[in-house]
């Protein structure tokens, strides 16, 4: 599952994406996927980090993009985990 946070600039998008990622307590922060635990990543700085901005943009890997690999955790726990980060976005400029 991939999703993007809304932002006015790439810098703001990156800041907002990392806010969501850092707020997660159930999802692990990792650069790889394929585990039984849920993993959240920021592709622009991990799997696509060596590409130029133009190459990432062409691939649709924008700074606000996050990738979630869902594991075996309870759905309600995962929803609450993401909601914690997403709800906090209202406080960011």
N, C-alpha and C. Protein backbone atom coordinates (compact mmCIF):
# COMPACT_ATOMS: atom_id res chain seq x y z
N UNK A 1 0.86 -1.17 0.00
CA UNK A 1 0.00 0.00 0.00
C UNK A 1 0.90 1.22 0.00
N UNK A 2 0.67 2.12 -0.94
CA UNK A 2 1.42 3.37 -0.97
C UNK A 2 0.45 4.53 -0.86
N UNK A 3 0.86 5.58 -0.20
CA UNK A 3 0.04 6.79 -0.10
C UNK A 3 0.96 7.99 0.06
N UNK A 4 0.42 9.14 -0.29
CA UNK A 4 1.18 10.38 -0.27
C UNK A 4 0.47 11.41 0.59
N UNK A 5 1.26 12.13 1.39
CA UNK A 5 0.69 13.23 2.17
C UNK A 5 0.67 14.48 1.29
N UNK A 6 -0.29 15.31 1.50
CA UNK A 6 -0.39 16.57 0.76
C UNK A 6 0.58 17.58 1.33
N UNK A 7 1.15 18.39 0.43
CA UNK A 7 2.09 19.43 0.87
C UNK A 7 2.22 20.46 -0.23
N UNK A 8 2.74 21.63 0.15
CA UNK A 8 2.92 22.72 -0.80
C UNK A 8 4.27 22.69 -1.49
N UNK A 9 5.22 21.93 -0.97
CA UNK A 9 6.56 21.86 -1.55
C UNK A 9 7.16 20.48 -1.26
N UNK A 10 8.17 20.08 -2.03
CA UNK A 10 8.83 18.80 -1.74
C UNK A 10 9.42 18.75 -0.33
N UNK A 11 9.95 19.86 0.15
CA UNK A 11 10.54 19.89 1.49
C UNK A 11 9.47 19.67 2.56
N UNK A 12 8.32 20.32 2.38
CA UNK A 12 7.23 20.14 3.32
C UNK A 12 6.69 18.71 3.24
N UNK A 13 6.61 18.17 2.03
CA UNK A 13 6.13 16.80 1.86
C UNK A 13 7.04 15.82 2.58
N UNK A 14 8.34 15.99 2.45
CA UNK A 14 9.29 15.11 3.13
C UNK A 14 9.13 15.22 4.65
N UNK A 15 9.02 16.44 5.14
CA UNK A 15 8.87 16.67 6.58
C UNK A 15 7.58 16.02 7.09
N UNK A 16 6.50 16.15 6.32
CA UNK A 16 5.22 15.59 6.73
C UNK A 16 5.24 14.06 6.66
N UNK A 17 5.88 13.51 5.64
CA UNK A 17 5.99 12.05 5.53
C UNK A 17 6.76 11.48 6.72
N UNK A 18 7.89 12.11 7.07
CA UNK A 18 8.67 11.63 8.20
C UNK A 18 7.94 11.83 9.52
N UNK A 19 7.08 12.83 9.61
CA UNK A 19 6.26 12.99 10.81
C UNK A 19 5.38 11.76 11.01
N UNK A 20 4.73 11.33 9.92
CA UNK A 20 3.85 10.16 9.99
C UNK A 20 4.67 8.91 10.33
N UNK A 21 5.78 8.72 9.64
CA UNK A 21 6.62 7.55 9.88
C UNK A 21 7.14 7.52 11.31
N UNK A 22 7.62 8.66 11.79
CA UNK A 22 8.17 8.72 13.15
C UNK A 22 7.11 8.51 14.23
N UNK A 23 5.86 8.84 13.92
CA UNK A 23 4.78 8.67 14.90
C UNK A 23 4.34 7.21 15.04
N UNK A 24 4.66 6.39 14.07
CA UNK A 24 4.24 4.98 14.11
C UNK A 24 4.94 4.22 15.23
N UNK A 25 4.16 3.45 15.96
CA UNK A 25 4.70 2.62 17.04
C UNK A 25 4.50 1.14 16.76
N UNK A 26 3.54 0.79 15.94
CA UNK A 26 3.29 -0.60 15.58
C UNK A 26 4.09 -0.96 14.34
N UNK A 27 4.06 -0.09 13.35
CA UNK A 27 4.80 -0.33 12.10
C UNK A 27 6.29 -0.08 12.35
N UNK A 28 7.11 -0.97 11.85
CA UNK A 28 8.55 -0.79 11.95
C UNK A 28 9.03 0.09 10.82
N UNK A 29 10.06 0.85 11.07
CA UNK A 29 10.68 1.66 10.03
C UNK A 29 11.81 0.83 9.44
N UNK A 30 11.72 0.56 8.15
CA UNK A 30 12.72 -0.30 7.52
C UNK A 30 12.87 0.07 6.05
N UNK A 31 13.92 -0.43 5.45
CA UNK A 31 14.15 -0.17 4.03
C UNK A 31 13.72 -1.33 3.16
N UNK A 32 13.40 -2.45 3.74
CA UNK A 32 12.97 -3.60 2.96
C UNK A 32 11.58 -4.03 3.40
N UNK A 33 10.92 -4.79 2.56
CA UNK A 33 9.59 -5.28 2.88
C UNK A 33 9.61 -6.81 2.80
N UNK A 34 8.52 -7.43 3.17
CA UNK A 34 8.43 -8.87 3.06
C UNK A 34 8.62 -9.59 4.38
N UNK A 35 8.16 -9.01 5.46
CA UNK A 35 8.27 -9.60 6.78
C UNK A 35 6.86 -9.89 7.28
N UNK A 36 6.73 -10.57 8.41
CA UNK A 36 5.42 -10.81 9.00
C UNK A 36 4.96 -9.61 9.82
N UNK A 37 5.86 -8.67 10.08
CA UNK A 37 5.47 -7.45 10.78
C UNK A 37 5.27 -6.33 9.76
N UNK A 38 4.43 -5.39 10.10
CA UNK A 38 4.16 -4.28 9.19
C UNK A 38 5.36 -3.35 9.17
N UNK A 39 5.67 -2.87 7.97
CA UNK A 39 6.84 -2.02 7.76
C UNK A 39 6.41 -0.78 6.99
N UNK A 40 6.90 0.37 7.42
CA UNK A 40 6.63 1.62 6.72
C UNK A 40 7.96 2.19 6.23
N UNK A 41 7.98 2.64 4.97
CA UNK A 41 9.22 3.16 4.39
C UNK A 41 8.96 4.48 3.67
N UNK A 42 10.03 5.20 3.44
CA UNK A 42 10.03 6.44 2.66
C UNK A 42 10.88 6.16 1.42
N UNK A 43 10.25 5.73 0.31
CA UNK A 43 11.01 5.30 -0.87
C UNK A 43 11.97 6.35 -1.43
N UNK A 44 11.62 7.64 -1.32
CA UNK A 44 12.50 8.67 -1.88
C UNK A 44 13.86 8.71 -1.20
N UNK A 45 13.93 8.24 0.05
CA UNK A 45 15.22 8.26 0.74
C UNK A 45 15.78 6.86 0.97
N UNK A 46 15.03 5.83 0.57
CA UNK A 46 15.54 4.47 0.76
C UNK A 46 15.72 3.79 -0.59
N UNK A 47 14.73 3.08 -1.06
CA UNK A 47 14.87 2.28 -2.29
C UNK A 47 15.18 3.12 -3.52
N UNK A 48 14.76 4.37 -3.56
CA UNK A 48 15.00 5.24 -4.71
C UNK A 48 15.92 6.41 -4.36
N UNK A 49 16.61 6.30 -3.26
CA UNK A 49 17.45 7.39 -2.75
C UNK A 49 18.63 7.76 -3.63
N UNK A 50 19.09 6.84 -4.45
CA UNK A 50 20.25 7.12 -5.31
C UNK A 50 19.87 7.76 -6.64
N UNK A 51 18.57 7.85 -6.90
CA UNK A 51 18.12 8.47 -8.15
C UNK A 51 18.13 9.98 -8.03
N UNK A 52 18.21 10.64 -9.16
CA UNK A 52 18.11 12.10 -9.16
C UNK A 52 16.66 12.49 -8.89
N UNK A 53 16.45 13.75 -8.55
CA UNK A 53 15.09 14.24 -8.33
C UNK A 53 14.23 14.01 -9.57
N UNK A 54 14.79 14.27 -10.75
CA UNK A 54 14.05 14.09 -12.00
C UNK A 54 13.67 12.63 -12.22
N UNK A 55 14.59 11.72 -11.91
CA UNK A 55 14.30 10.30 -12.07
C UNK A 55 13.23 9.83 -11.09
N UNK A 56 13.30 10.31 -9.85
CA UNK A 56 12.28 9.95 -8.87
C UNK A 56 10.92 10.50 -9.28
N UNK A 57 10.89 11.75 -9.72
CA UNK A 57 9.63 12.36 -10.16
C UNK A 57 9.03 11.58 -11.32
N UNK A 58 9.87 11.18 -12.27
CA UNK A 58 9.39 10.42 -13.43
C UNK A 58 8.81 9.07 -13.01
N UNK A 59 9.35 8.51 -11.94
CA UNK A 59 8.86 7.23 -11.43
C UNK A 59 7.68 7.39 -10.48
N UNK A 60 7.32 8.64 -10.17
CA UNK A 60 6.22 8.89 -9.25
C UNK A 60 6.60 8.74 -7.78
N UNK A 61 7.90 8.74 -7.52
CA UNK A 61 8.38 8.59 -6.15
C UNK A 61 8.66 9.98 -5.60
N UNK A 62 7.61 10.62 -5.11
CA UNK A 62 7.70 11.98 -4.60
C UNK A 62 8.07 11.96 -3.12
N UNK A 63 8.46 13.11 -2.58
CA UNK A 63 8.92 13.19 -1.20
C UNK A 63 7.84 12.85 -0.17
N UNK A 64 6.58 13.04 -0.52
CA UNK A 64 5.51 12.74 0.42
C UNK A 64 5.03 11.30 0.39
N UNK A 65 5.62 10.49 -0.48
CA UNK A 65 5.19 9.10 -0.65
C UNK A 65 5.71 8.20 0.47
N UNK A 66 4.82 7.38 1.00
CA UNK A 66 5.19 6.36 1.98
C UNK A 66 4.68 5.03 1.48
N UNK A 67 5.39 3.98 1.83
CA UNK A 67 4.98 2.63 1.44
C UNK A 67 4.78 1.82 2.71
N UNK A 68 3.65 1.15 2.77
CA UNK A 68 3.31 0.33 3.93
C UNK A 68 3.17 -1.11 3.46
N UNK A 69 3.97 -1.98 4.03
CA UNK A 69 3.85 -3.42 3.80
C UNK A 69 3.15 -3.99 5.03
N UNK A 70 1.92 -4.45 4.85
CA UNK A 70 1.09 -4.87 5.97
C UNK A 70 1.47 -6.29 6.40
N UNK A 71 1.67 -6.43 7.69
CA UNK A 71 2.02 -7.72 8.26
C UNK A 71 0.84 -8.36 8.96
N UNK A 72 1.12 -9.04 10.06
CA UNK A 72 0.10 -9.82 10.76
C UNK A 72 -0.56 -9.11 11.94
N UNK A 73 -0.22 -7.84 12.17
CA UNK A 73 -0.81 -7.12 13.30
C UNK A 73 -2.32 -6.94 13.10
N UNK A 74 -2.99 -6.67 14.18
CA UNK A 74 -4.44 -6.43 14.15
C UNK A 74 -4.72 -5.17 13.35
N UNK A 75 -5.74 -5.23 12.49
CA UNK A 75 -6.09 -4.10 11.63
C UNK A 75 -6.34 -2.83 12.43
N UNK A 76 -7.04 -2.93 13.54
CA UNK A 76 -7.33 -1.75 14.37
C UNK A 76 -6.06 -1.11 14.92
N UNK A 77 -5.07 -1.93 15.26
CA UNK A 77 -3.80 -1.40 15.75
C UNK A 77 -3.08 -0.64 14.65
N UNK A 78 -3.10 -1.18 13.44
CA UNK A 78 -2.45 -0.51 12.31
C UNK A 78 -3.16 0.81 11.97
N UNK A 79 -4.47 0.78 11.99
CA UNK A 79 -5.23 2.00 11.71
C UNK A 79 -4.93 3.08 12.74
N UNK A 80 -4.90 2.70 14.00
CA UNK A 80 -4.59 3.67 15.06
C UNK A 80 -3.17 4.20 14.93
N UNK A 81 -2.26 3.34 14.53
CA UNK A 81 -0.86 3.73 14.35
C UNK A 81 -0.73 4.80 13.27
N UNK A 82 -1.35 4.57 12.14
CA UNK A 82 -1.30 5.55 11.05
C UNK A 82 -2.07 6.82 11.40
N UNK A 83 -3.19 6.65 12.06
CA UNK A 83 -4.01 7.82 12.44
C UNK A 83 -3.23 8.75 13.36
N UNK A 84 -2.41 8.18 14.25
CA UNK A 84 -1.60 8.98 15.17
C UNK A 84 -0.71 9.95 14.39
N UNK A 85 -0.08 9.45 13.36
CA UNK A 85 0.78 10.31 12.55
C UNK A 85 0.01 11.26 11.65
N UNK A 86 -1.04 10.75 11.01
CA UNK A 86 -1.81 11.58 10.09
C UNK A 86 -2.54 12.71 10.81
N UNK A 87 -3.09 12.41 11.98
CA UNK A 87 -3.79 13.46 12.74
C UNK A 87 -2.83 14.56 13.16
N UNK A 88 -1.60 14.23 13.42
CA UNK A 88 -0.61 15.22 13.83
C UNK A 88 -0.18 16.15 12.71
N UNK A 89 -0.52 15.83 11.47
CA UNK A 89 -0.12 16.67 10.34
C UNK A 89 -0.77 18.05 10.40
N UNK A 90 -1.92 18.13 11.03
CA UNK A 90 -2.62 19.42 11.12
C UNK A 90 -1.81 20.44 11.89
N UNK A 91 -0.92 19.97 12.75
CA UNK A 91 -0.11 20.87 13.58
C UNK A 91 1.14 21.36 12.86
N UNK A 92 1.50 20.69 11.75
CA UNK A 92 2.71 21.07 11.00
C UNK A 92 2.40 22.19 10.01
N UNK A 93 3.36 23.04 9.80
CA UNK A 93 3.19 24.11 8.82
C UNK A 93 3.46 23.59 7.43
